[in-house]
Amino acid sequence: MVQNFLITTQHCPFCKKLLGIVEEINMYLPLKDRVRNVDATMLEEFDINLNPILKRLKWEGTPTLYLNGIVYEGFSSRDNFRGFLKSYFGLGG
């Protein structure tokens, strides 16, 4: 089973920008390949983990991108992130 996640928090401005790109890319992907947003706000701010996905993923901050079990971090810009996702999923343009 393919599992793709973007771990974000509500107060992170860069997370919001990347989430918008994920939503844009998801329109071109089959449901099984889409990147799901995992909100880590409660865990980051209050140390309360209400999401079982966060319990099994290893991450240190937001935003963190998981694609098929591999962690990707450190995208320098929105264009860099968009280009990476398009290349990863084999989308042209």
Foldseek 3Di string as FASTA:
>chain_A
DWAKEWEDEPVDPVSVLLVVLLVVVQVVDDPVQRYYYDYCHCCVPPVDDPDPVVVPADDDDPGWIATRRDIDDDQPDSVSSNVVVCVVVVHDD
